[in-house]
Amino acid sequence: MTLTHKTFIITGASAGIGQALAIKLAKQGSNVVLAARNQAALMKTADDCLKAGGQAIAVPTDVTNPEACQNLIEQAVSREACDTFSTNRLRQRGIGE
């Protein structure tokens, strides 16, 4: 299965597993919609994804906030059809902080 031109929403994309996944997908030509609370780190991940060859948009998002999650989905859908959603919720539960 090719991941070229597929679109993925990745939460927790500013660091750790989420960041690594975003960059790996970008290297394979995927489009990534990146979400995390830390806007500065999120923008760096988006820049790294662009440099890796993918397309990326960064949407600052707190996944504990339903309105923020709705905005994330709306941002993703307004740009591309979303193929896959990946979430990295370990930090939300206090693990890895």
PDB file of N, CA and C in Angstrom:
ATOM      1  N   MET A   1       0.849  -1.187   0.000  1.00  0.00           N
ATOM      2  CA  MET A   1       0.000   0.000   0.000  1.00  0.00           C
ATOM      3  C   MET A   1       0.887   1.241   0.000  1.00  0.00           C
ATOM      4  N   THR A   2       0.599   2.126  -0.905  1.00  0.00           N
ATOM      5  CA  THR A   2       1.353   3.371  -0.970  1.00  0.00           C
ATOM      6  C   THR A   2       0.706   4.425  -0.079  1.00  0.00           C
ATOM      7  N   LEU A   3       1.545   5.217   0.564  1.00  0.00           N
ATOM      8  CA  LEU A   3       1.048   6.284   1.436  1.00  0.00           C
ATOM      9  C   LEU A   3       1.145   7.647   0.763  1.00  0.00           C
ATOM     10  N   THR A   4       1.641   7.675  -0.460  1.00  0.00           N
ATOM     11  CA  THR A   4       1.762   8.920  -1.198  1.00  0.00           C
ATOM     12  C   THR A   4       0.391   9.544  -1.398  1.00  0.00           C
ATOM     13  N   HIS A   5       0.293  10.816  -1.076  1.00  0.00           N
ATOM     14  CA  HIS A   5      -0.918  11.610  -1.230  1.00  0.00           C
ATOM     15  C   HIS A   5      -2.065  11.187  -0.302  1.00  0.00           C
ATOM     16  N   LYS A   6      -1.809  10.312   0.650  1.00  0.00           N
ATOM     17  CA  LYS A   6      -2.809   9.999   1.676  1.00  0.00           C
ATOM     18  C   LYS A   6      -2.723  11.080   2.743  1.00  0.00           C
ATOM     19  N   THR A   7      -3.831  11.355   3.404  1.00  0.00           N
ATOM     20  CA  THR A   7      -3.864  12.400   4.428  1.00  0.00           C
ATOM     21  C   THR A   7      -4.121  11.785   5.789  1.00  0.00           C
ATOM     22  N   PHE A   8      -3.302  12.178   6.754  1.00  0.00           N
ATOM     23  CA  PHE A   8      -3.375  11.657   8.115  1.00  0.00           C
ATOM     24  C   PHE A   8      -3.496  12.808   9.108  1.00  0.00           C
ATOM     25  N   ILE A   9      -4.367  12.654  10.099  1.00  0.00           N
ATOM     26  CA  ILE A   9      -4.425  13.577  11.233  1.00  0.00           C
ATOM     27  C   ILE A   9      -3.636  12.918  12.349  1.00  0.00           C
ATOM     28  N   ILE A  10      -2.680  13.656  12.910  1.00  0.00           N
ATOM     29  CA  ILE A  10      -1.848  13.105  13.978  1.00  0.00           C
ATOM     30  C   ILE A  10      -1.896  14.056  15.165  1.00  0.00           C
ATOM     31  N   THR A  11      -2.414  13.570  16.286  1.00  0.00           N
ATOM     32  CA  THR A  11      -2.390  14.367  17.514  1.00  0.00           C
ATOM     33  C   THR A  11      -1.130  14.010  18.289  1.00  0.00           C
ATOM     34  N   GLY A  12      -0.727  14.900  19.175  1.00  0.00           N
ATOM     35  CA  GLY A  12       0.521  14.699  19.900  1.00  0.00           C
ATOM     36  C   GLY A  12       1.713  14.825  18.971  1.00  0.00           C
ATOM     37  N   ALA A  13       1.577  15.641  17.940  1.00  0.00           N
ATOM     38  CA  ALA A  13       2.577  15.724  16.876  1.00  0.00           C
ATOM     39  C   ALA A  13       3.754  16.634  17.186  1.00  0.00           C
ATOM     40  N   SER A  14       3.766  17.270  18.339  1.00  0.00           N
ATOM     41  CA  SER A  14       4.851  18.209  18.636  1.00  0.00           C
ATOM     42  C   SER A  14       6.088  17.529  19.212  1.00  0.00           C
ATOM     43  N   ALA A  15       5.973  16.254  19.619  1.00  0.00           N
ATOM     44  CA  ALA A  15       7.118  15.567  20.231  1.00  0.00           C
ATOM     45  C   ALA A  15       6.891  14.059  20.208  1.00  0.00           C
ATOM     46  N   GLY A  16       7.943  13.327  20.494  1.00  0.00           N
ATOM     47  CA  GLY A  16       7.845  11.892  20.710  1.00  0.00           C
ATOM     48  C   GLY A  16       7.325  11.098  19.530  1.00  0.00           C
ATOM     49  N   ILE A  17       6.480  10.111  19.851  1.00  0.00           N
ATOM     50  CA  ILE A  17       5.950   9.196  18.838  1.00  0.00           C
ATOM     51  C   ILE A  17       5.145   9.936  17.771  1.00  0.00           C
ATOM     52  N   GLY A  18       4.324  10.895  18.182  1.00  0.00           N
ATOM     53  CA  GLY A  18       3.525  11.645  17.215  1.00  0.00           C
ATOM     54  C   GLY A  18       4.382  12.408  16.226  1.00  0.00           C
ATOM     55  N   GLN A  19       5.429  13.036  16.716  1.00  0.00           N
ATOM     56  CA  GLN A  19       6.346  13.777  15.852  1.00  0.00           C
ATOM     57  C   GLN A  19       7.078  12.823  14.900  1.00  0.00           C
ATOM     58  N   ALA A  20       7.576  11.723  15.432  1.00  0.00           N
ATOM     59  CA  ALA A  20       8.298  10.751  14.607  1.00  0.00           C
ATOM     60  C   ALA A  20       7.392  10.174  13.517  1.00  0.00           C
ATOM     61  N   LEU A  21       6.155   9.861  13.874  1.00  0.00           N
ATOM     62  CA  LEU A  21       5.201   9.328  12.905  1.00  0.00           C
ATOM     63  C   LEU A  21       4.928  10.343  11.801  1.00  0.00           C
ATOM     64  N   ALA A  22       4.744  11.599  12.187  1.00  0.00           N
ATOM     65  CA  ALA A  22       4.464  12.647  11.202  1.00  0.00           C
ATOM     66  C   ALA A  22       5.600  12.768  10.189  1.00  0.00           C
ATOM     67  N   ILE A  23       6.819  12.787  10.676  1.00  0.00           N
ATOM     68  CA  ILE A  23       7.970  12.940   9.784  1.00  0.00           C
ATOM     69  C   ILE A  23       8.132  11.700   8.904  1.00  0.00           C
ATOM     70  N   LYS A  24       7.931  10.530   9.469  1.00  0.00           N
ATOM     71  CA  LYS A  24       8.037   9.281   8.679  1.00  0.00           C
ATOM     72  C   LYS A  24       6.992   9.261   7.561  1.00  0.00           C
ATOM     73  N   LEU A  25       5.762   9.649   7.874  1.00  0.00           N
ATOM     74  CA  LEU A  25       4.718   9.698   6.854  1.00  0.00           C
ATOM     75  C   LEU A  25       5.047  10.735   5.782  1.00  0.00           C
ATOM     76  N   ALA A  26       5.563  11.881   6.200  1.00  0.00           N
ATOM     77  CA  ALA A  26       5.929  12.932   5.244  1.00  0.00           C
ATOM     78  C   ALA A  26       7.017  12.445   4.297  1.00  0.00           C
ATOM     79  N   LYS A  27       7.981  11.691   4.816  1.00  0.00           N
ATOM     80  CA  LYS A  27       9.050  11.145   3.968  1.00  0.00           C
ATOM     81  C   LYS A  27       8.495  10.210   2.901  1.00  0.00           C
ATOM     82  N   GLN A  28       7.331   9.634   3.172  1.00  0.00           N
ATOM     83  CA  GLN A  28       6.697   8.723   2.213  1.00  0.00           C
ATOM     84  C   GLN A  28       5.715   9.450   1.301  1.00  0.00           C
ATOM     85  N   GLY A  29       5.708  10.787   1.364  1.00  0.00           N
ATOM     86  CA  GLY A  29       4.873  11.579   0.474  1.00  0.00           C
ATOM     87  C   GLY A  29       3.454  11.808   0.951  1.00  0.00           C
ATOM     88  N   SER A  30       3.203  11.557   2.228  1.00  0.00           N
ATOM     89  CA  SER A  30       1.858  11.754   2.777  1.00  0.00           C
ATOM     90  C   SER A  30       1.614  13.215   3.130  1.00  0.00           C
ATOM     91  N   ASN A  31       0.346  13.557   3.218  1.00  0.00           N
ATOM     92  CA  ASN A  31      -0.097  14.847   3.737  1.00  0.00           C
ATOM     93  C   ASN A  31      -0.420  14.633   5.211  1.00  0.00           C
ATOM     94  N   VAL A  32       0.061  15.521   6.080  1.00  0.00           N
ATOM     95  CA  VAL A  32      -0.195  15.355   7.501  1.00  0.00           C
ATOM     96  C   VAL A  32      -0.842  16.613   8.072  1.00  0.00           C
ATOM     97  N   VAL A  33      -1.860  16.391   8.881  1.00  0.00           N
ATOM     98  CA  VAL A  33      -2.516  17.453   9.630  1.00  0.00           C
ATOM     99  C   VAL A  33      -2.082  17.237  11.073  1.00  0.00           C
ATOM    100  N   LEU A  34      -1.310  18.166  11.584  1.00  0.00           N
ATOM    101  CA  LEU A  34      -0.652  18.003  12.873  1.00  0.00           C
ATOM    102  C   LEU A  34      -1.388  18.753  13.970  1.00  0.00           C
ATOM    103  N   ALA A  35      -1.557  18.095  15.115  1.00  0.00           N
ATOM    104  CA  ALA A  35      -2.244  18.704  16.248  1.00  0.00           C
ATOM    105  C   ALA A  35      -1.446  18.488  17.524  1.00  0.00           C
ATOM    106  N   ALA A  36      -1.369  19.528  18.339  1.00  0.00           N
ATOM    107  CA  ALA A  36      -0.740  19.468  19.660  1.00  0.00           C
ATOM    108  C   ALA A  36      -1.009  20.798  20.342  1.00  0.00           C
ATOM    109  N   ARG A  37      -0.750  20.847  21.633  1.00  0.00           N
ATOM    110  CA  ARG A  37      -0.955  22.089  22.386  1.00  0.00           C
ATOM    111  C   ARG A  37       0.194  23.077  22.213  1.00  0.00           C
ATOM    112  N   ASN A  38       1.413  22.585  22.061  1.00  0.00           N
ATOM    113  CA  ASN A  38       2.596  23.442  21.993  1.00  0.00           C
ATOM    114  C   ASN A  38       2.765  23.961  20.568  1.00  0.00           C
ATOM    115  N   GLN A  39       2.328  25.191  20.341  1.00  0.00           N
ATOM    116  CA  GLN A  39       2.306  25.739  18.986  1.00  0.00           C
ATOM    117  C   GLN A  39       3.703  25.867  18.385  1.00  0.00           C
ATOM    118  N   ALA A  40       4.683  26.311  19.150  1.00  0.00           N
ATOM    119  CA  ALA A  40       6.035  26.484  18.613  1.00  0.00           C
ATOM    120  C   ALA A  40       6.620  25.139  18.174  1.00  0.00           C
ATOM    121  N   ALA A  41       6.490  24.125  19.014  1.00  0.00           N
ATOM    122  CA  ALA A  41       6.997  22.795  18.665  1.00  0.00           C
ATOM    123  C   ALA A  41       6.210  22.198  17.507  1.00  0.00           C
ATOM    124  N   LEU A  42       4.920  22.476  17.462  1.00  0.00           N
ATOM    125  CA  LEU A  42       4.073  21.988  16.377  1.00  0.00           C
ATOM    126  C   LEU A  42       4.517  22.586  15.037  1.00  0.00           C
ATOM    127  N   MET A  43       4.830  23.856  15.030  1.00  0.00           N
ATOM    128  CA  MET A  43       5.291  24.514  13.806  1.00  0.00           C
ATOM    129  C   MET A  43       6.630  23.946  13.351  1.00  0.00           C
ATOM    130  N   LYS A  44       7.499  23.599  14.294  1.00  0.00           N
ATOM    131  CA  LYS A  44       8.778  22.983  13.932  1.00  0.00           C
ATOM    132  C   LYS A  44       8.550  21.610  13.295  1.00  0.00           C
ATOM    133  N   THR A  45       7.637  20.832  13.860  1.00  0.00           N
ATOM    134  CA  THR A  45       7.317  19.530  13.268  1.00  0.00           C
ATOM    135  C   THR A  45       6.766  19.705  11.855  1.00  0.00           C
ATOM    136  N   ALA A  46       5.889  20.682  11.667  1.00  0.00           N
ATOM    137  CA  ALA A  46       5.341  20.943  10.332  1.00  0.00           C
ATOM    138  C   ALA A  46       6.457  21.296   9.360  1.00  0.00           C
ATOM    139  N   ASP A  47       7.395  22.121   9.791  1.00  0.00           N
ATOM    140  CA  ASP A  47       8.524  22.495   8.941  1.00  0.00           C
ATOM    141  C   ASP A  47       9.373  21.271   8.605  1.00  0.00           C
ATOM    142  N   ASP A  48       9.610  20.408   9.593  1.00  0.00           N
ATOM    143  CA  ASP A  48      10.376  19.178   9.357  1.00  0.00           C
ATOM    144  C   ASP A  48       9.661  18.271   8.352  1.00  0.00           C
ATOM    145  N   CYS A  49       8.348  18.212   8.432  1.00  0.00           N
ATOM    146  CA  CYS A  49       7.565  17.398   7.492  1.00  0.00           C
ATOM    147  C   CYS A  49       7.666  17.945   6.069  1.00  0.00           C
ATOM    148  N   LEU A  50       7.605  19.247   5.937  1.00  0.00           N
ATOM    149  CA  LEU A  50       7.741  19.866   4.616  1.00  0.00           C
ATOM    150  C   LEU A  50       9.116  19.576   4.028  1.00  0.00           C
ATOM    151  N   LYS A  51      10.149  19.707   4.863  1.00  0.00           N
ATOM    152  CA  LYS A  51      11.512  19.420   4.407  1.00  0.00           C
ATOM    153  C   LYS A  51      11.686  17.955   4.026  1.00  0.00           C
ATOM    154  N   ALA A  52      10.909  17.075   4.658  1.00  0.00           N
ATOM    155  CA  ALA A  52      10.994  15.632   4.383  1.00  0.00           C
ATOM    156  C   ALA A  52      10.274  15.249   3.092  1.00  0.00           C
ATOM    157  N   GLY A  53       9.496  16.176   2.525  1.00  0.00           N
ATOM    158  CA  GLY A  53       8.853  15.900   1.249  1.00  0.00           C
ATOM    159  C   GLY A  53       7.349  15.760   1.288  1.00  0.00           C
ATOM    160  N   GLY A  54       6.754  15.882   2.456  1.00  0.00           N
ATOM    161  CA  GLY A  54       5.302  15.798   2.566  1.00  0.00           C
ATOM    162  C   GLY A  54       4.667  17.174   2.618  1.00  0.00           C
ATOM    163  N   GLN A  55       3.369  17.196   2.685  1.00  0.00           N
ATOM    164  CA  GLN A  55       2.613  18.427   2.910  1.00  0.00           C
ATOM    165  C   GLN A  55       2.141  18.407   4.363  1.00  0.00           C
ATOM    166  N   ALA A  56       2.163  19.543   5.020  1.00  0.00           N
ATOM    167  CA  ALA A  56       1.784  19.578   6.432  1.00  0.00           C
ATOM    168  C   ALA A  56       1.054  20.863   6.770  1.00  0.00           C
ATOM    169  N   ILE A  57       0.050  20.725   7.637  1.00  0.00           N
ATOM    170  CA  ILE A  57      -0.559  21.893   8.251  1.00  0.00           C
ATOM    171  C   ILE A  57      -0.563  21.649   9.754  1.00  0.00           C
ATOM    172  N   ALA A  58      -0.380  22.705  10.499  1.00  0.00           N
ATOM    173  CA  ALA A  58      -0.345  22.629  11.955  1.00  0.00           C
ATOM    174  C   ALA A  58      -1.600  23.300  12.510  1.00  0.00           C
ATOM    175  N   VAL A  59      -2.304  22.597  13.369  1.00  0.00           N
ATOM    176  CA  VAL A  59      -3.519  23.124  13.988  1.00  0.00           C
ATOM    177  C   VAL A  59      -3.366  22.986  15.503  1.00  0.00           C
ATOM    178  N   PRO A  60      -2.996  24.074  16.191  1.00  0.00           N
ATOM    179  CA  PRO A  60      -2.876  23.969  17.651  1.00  0.00           C
ATOM    180  C   PRO A  60      -4.189  23.453  18.239  1.00  0.00           C
ATOM    181  N   THR A  61      -4.098  22.368  19.020  1.00  0.00           N
ATOM    182  CA  THR A  61      -5.296  21.688  19.503  1.00  0.00           C
ATOM    183  C   THR A  61      -5.058  21.094  20.884  1.00  0.00           C
ATOM    184  N   ASP A  62      -5.996  21.315  21.776  1.00  0.00           N
ATOM    185  CA  ASP A  62      -6.031  20.618  23.065  1.00  0.00           C
ATOM    186  C   ASP A  62      -7.131  19.567  22.926  1.00  0.00           C
ATOM    187  N   VAL A  63      -6.748  18.296  22.864  1.00  0.00           N
ATOM    188  CA  VAL A  63      -7.733  17.252  22.594  1.00  0.00           C
ATOM    189  C   VAL A  63      -8.702  17.027  23.746  1.00  0.00           C
ATOM    190  N   THR A  64      -8.506  17.689  24.867  1.00  0.00           N
ATOM    191  CA  THR A  64      -9.487  17.608  25.959  1.00  0.00           C
ATOM    192  C   THR A  64     -10.622  18.598  25.749  1.00  0.00           C
ATOM    193  N   ASN A  65     -10.494  19.449  24.724  1.00  0.00           N
ATOM    194  CA  ASN A  65     -11.489  20.476  24.433  1.00  0.00           C
ATOM    195  C   ASN A  65     -12.279  20.068  23.179  1.00  0.00           C
ATOM    196  N   PRO A  66     -13.558  19.727  23.333  1.00  0.00           N
ATOM    197  CA  PRO A  66     -14.349  19.284  22.179  1.00  0.00           C
ATOM    198  C   PRO A  66     -14.396  20.291  21.036  1.00  0.00           C
ATOM    199  N   GLU A  67     -14.465  21.577  21.357  1.00  0.00           N
ATOM    200  CA  GLU A  67     -14.504  22.594  20.300  1.00  0.00           C
ATOM    201  C   GLU A  67     -13.189  22.624  19.523  1.00  0.00           C
ATOM    202  N   ALA A  68     -12.075  22.447  20.224  1.00  0.00           N
ATOM    203  CA  ALA A  68     -10.772  22.420  19.553  1.00  0.00           C
ATOM    204  C   ALA A  68     -10.671  21.208  18.634  1.00  0.00           C
ATOM    205  N   CYS A  69     -11.206  20.082  19.087  1.00  0.00           N
ATOM    206  CA  CYS A  69     -11.202  18.869  18.253  1.00  0.00           C
ATOM    207  C   CYS A  69     -12.074  19.056  17.022  1.00  0.00           C
ATOM    208  N   GLN A  70     -13.203  19.689  17.180  1.00  0.00           N
ATOM    209  CA  GLN A  70     -14.079  19.967  16.043  1.00  0.00           C
ATOM    210  C   GLN A  70     -13.372  20.862  15.032  1.00  0.00           C
ATOM    211  N   ASN A  71     -12.659  21.873  15.536  1.00  0.00           N
ATOM    212  CA  ASN A  71     -11.897  22.757  14.657  1.00  0.00           C
ATOM    213  C   ASN A  71     -10.819  21.984  13.908  1.00  0.00           C
ATOM    214  N   LEU A  72     -10.140  21.070  14.599  1.00  0.00           N
ATOM    215  CA  LEU A  72      -9.111  20.250  13.963  1.00  0.00           C
ATOM    216  C   LEU A  72      -9.694  19.469  12.784  1.00  0.00           C
ATOM    217  N   ILE A  73     -10.811  18.827  13.012  1.00  0.00           N
ATOM    218  CA  ILE A  73     -11.450  18.039  11.952  1.00  0.00           C
ATOM    219  C   ILE A  73     -11.887  18.952  10.804  1.00  0.00           C
ATOM    220  N   GLU A  74     -12.457  20.087  11.131  1.00  0.00           N
ATOM    221  CA  GLU A  74     -12.891  21.027  10.090  1.00  0.00           C
ATOM    222  C   GLU A  74     -11.714  21.523   9.264  1.00  0.00           C
ATOM    223  N   GLN A  75     -10.594  21.829   9.927  1.00  0.00           N
ATOM    224  CA  GLN A  75      -9.396  22.278   9.211  1.00  0.00           C
ATOM    225  C   GLN A  75      -8.890  21.193   8.265  1.00  0.00           C
ATOM    226  N   ALA A  76      -8.885  19.955   8.743  1.00  0.00           N
ATOM    227  CA  ALA A  76      -8.406  18.842   7.922  1.00  0.00           C
ATOM    228  C   ALA A  76      -9.318  18.614   6.717  1.00  0.00           C
ATOM    229  N   VAL A  77     -10.608  18.599   6.951  1.00  0.00           N
ATOM    230  CA  VAL A  77     -11.568  18.328   5.882  1.00  0.00           C
ATOM    231  C   VAL A  77     -11.598  19.470   4.859  1.00  0.00           C
ATOM    232  N   SER A  78     -11.387  20.693   5.308  1.00  0.00           N
ATOM    233  CA  SER A  78     -11.430  21.827   4.383  1.00  0.00           C
ATOM    234  C   SER A  78     -10.253  21.818   3.418  1.00  0.00           C
ATOM    235  N   ARG A  79      -9.195  21.122   3.769  1.00  0.00           N
ATOM    236  CA  ARG A  79      -8.010  21.074   2.912  1.00  0.00           C
ATOM    237  C   ARG A  79      -7.918  19.788   2.100  1.00  0.00           C
ATOM    238  N   GLU A  80      -8.254  18.679   2.710  1.00  0.00           N
ATOM    239  CA  GLU A  80      -8.099  17.374   2.061  1.00  0.00           C
ATOM    240  C   GLU A  80      -9.101  16.411   2.664  1.00  0.00           C
ATOM    241  N   ALA A  81      -9.383  15.356   1.955  1.00  0.00           N
ATOM    242  CA  ALA A  81     -10.138  14.253   2.547  1.00  0.00           C
ATOM    243  C   ALA A  81      -9.190  13.531   3.493  1.00  0.00           C
ATOM    244  N   CYS A  82      -9.649  13.168   4.651  1.00  0.00           N
ATOM    245  CA  CYS A  82      -8.803  12.525   5.645  1.00  0.00           C
ATOM    246  C   CYS A  82      -8.894  11.006   5.490  1.00  0.00           C
ATOM    247  N   ASP A  83      -7.737  10.371   5.355  1.00  0.00           N
ATOM    248  CA  ASP A  83      -7.698   8.926   5.203  1.00  0.00           C
ATOM    249  C   ASP A  83      -7.560   8.207   6.540  1.00  0.00           C
ATOM    250  N   THR A  84      -6.788   8.769   7.469  1.00  0.00           N
ATOM    251  CA  THR A  84      -6.500   8.092   8.728  1.00  0.00           C
ATOM    252  C   THR A  84      -6.326   9.100   9.848  1.00  0.00           C
ATOM    253  N   PHE A  85      -6.703   8.691  11.043  1.00  0.00           N
ATOM    254  CA  PHE A  85      -6.557   9.520  12.239  1.00  0.00           C
ATOM    255  C   PHE A  85      -5.708   8.754  13.238  1.00  0.00           C
ATOM    256  N   SER A  86      -4.639   9.355  13.709  1.00  0.00           N
ATOM    257  CA  SER A  86      -3.774   8.722  14.708  1.00  0.00           C
ATOM    258  C   SER A  86      -3.714   9.619  15.928  1.00  0.00           C
ATOM    259  N   THR A  87      -3.830   9.029  17.091  1.00  0.00           N
ATOM    260  CA  THR A  87      -3.773   9.826  18.309  1.00  0.00           C
ATOM    261  C   THR A  87      -2.691   9.307  19.233  1.00  0.00           C
ATOM    262  N   ASN A  88      -2.042  10.235  19.891  1.00  0.00           N
ATOM    263  CA  ASN A  88      -1.005   9.923  20.849  1.00  0.00           C
ATOM    264  C   ASN A  88      -1.452  10.539  22.169  1.00  0.00           C
ATOM    265  N   ARG A  89      -2.136   9.758  23.000  1.00  0.00           N
ATOM    266  CA  ARG A  89      -2.773  10.300  24.202  1.00  0.00           C
ATOM    267  C   ARG A  89      -2.006  10.027  25.490  1.00  0.00           C
ATOM    268  N   LEU A  90      -0.796   9.514  25.414  1.00  0.00           N
ATOM    269  CA  LEU A  90      -0.057   9.198  26.631  1.00  0.00           C
ATOM    270  C   LEU A  90       0.165  10.426  27.503  1.00  0.00           C
ATOM    271  N   ARG A  91       0.506  11.538  26.915  1.00  0.00           N
ATOM    272  CA  ARG A  91       0.735  12.748  27.696  1.00  0.00           C
ATOM    273  C   ARG A  91      -0.536  13.216  28.403  1.00  0.00           C
ATOM    274  N   GLN A  92      -1.642  13.025  27.762  1.00  0.00           N
ATOM    275  CA  GLN A  92      -2.902  13.447  28.352  1.00  0.00           C
ATOM    276  C   GLN A  92      -3.181  12.706  29.648  1.00  0.00           C
ATOM    277  N   ARG A  93      -2.708  11.504  29.770  1.00  0.00           N
ATOM    278  CA  ARG A  93      -2.928  10.697  30.963  1.00  0.00           C
ATOM    279  C   ARG A  93      -1.798  10.857  31.980  1.00  0.00           C
ATOM    280  N   GLY A  94      -0.874  11.801  31.728  1.00  0.00           N
ATOM    281  CA  GLY A  94       0.191  12.054  32.665  1.00  0.00           C
ATOM    282  C   GLY A  94       1.424  11.196  32.439  1.00  0.00           C
ATOM    283  N   ILE A  95       1.435  10.399  31.396  1.00  0.00           N
ATOM    284  CA  ILE A  95       2.594   9.569  31.087  1.00  0.00           C
ATOM    285  C   ILE A  95       3.475  10.327  30.110  1.00  0.00           C
ATOM    286  N   GLY A  96       4.746  10.394  30.379  1.00  0.00           N
ATOM    287  CA  GLY A  96       5.675  11.031  29.459  1.00  0.00           C
ATOM    288  C   GLY A  96       5.779  12.527  29.616  1.00  0.00           C
ATOM    289  N   GLU A  97       5.242  13.087  30.655  1.00  0.00           N
ATOM    290  CA  GLU A  97       5.353  14.532  30.852  1.00  0.00           C
ATOM    291  C   GLU A  97       6.633  14.866  31.580  1.00  0.00           C
TER     292      GLU A  97
END
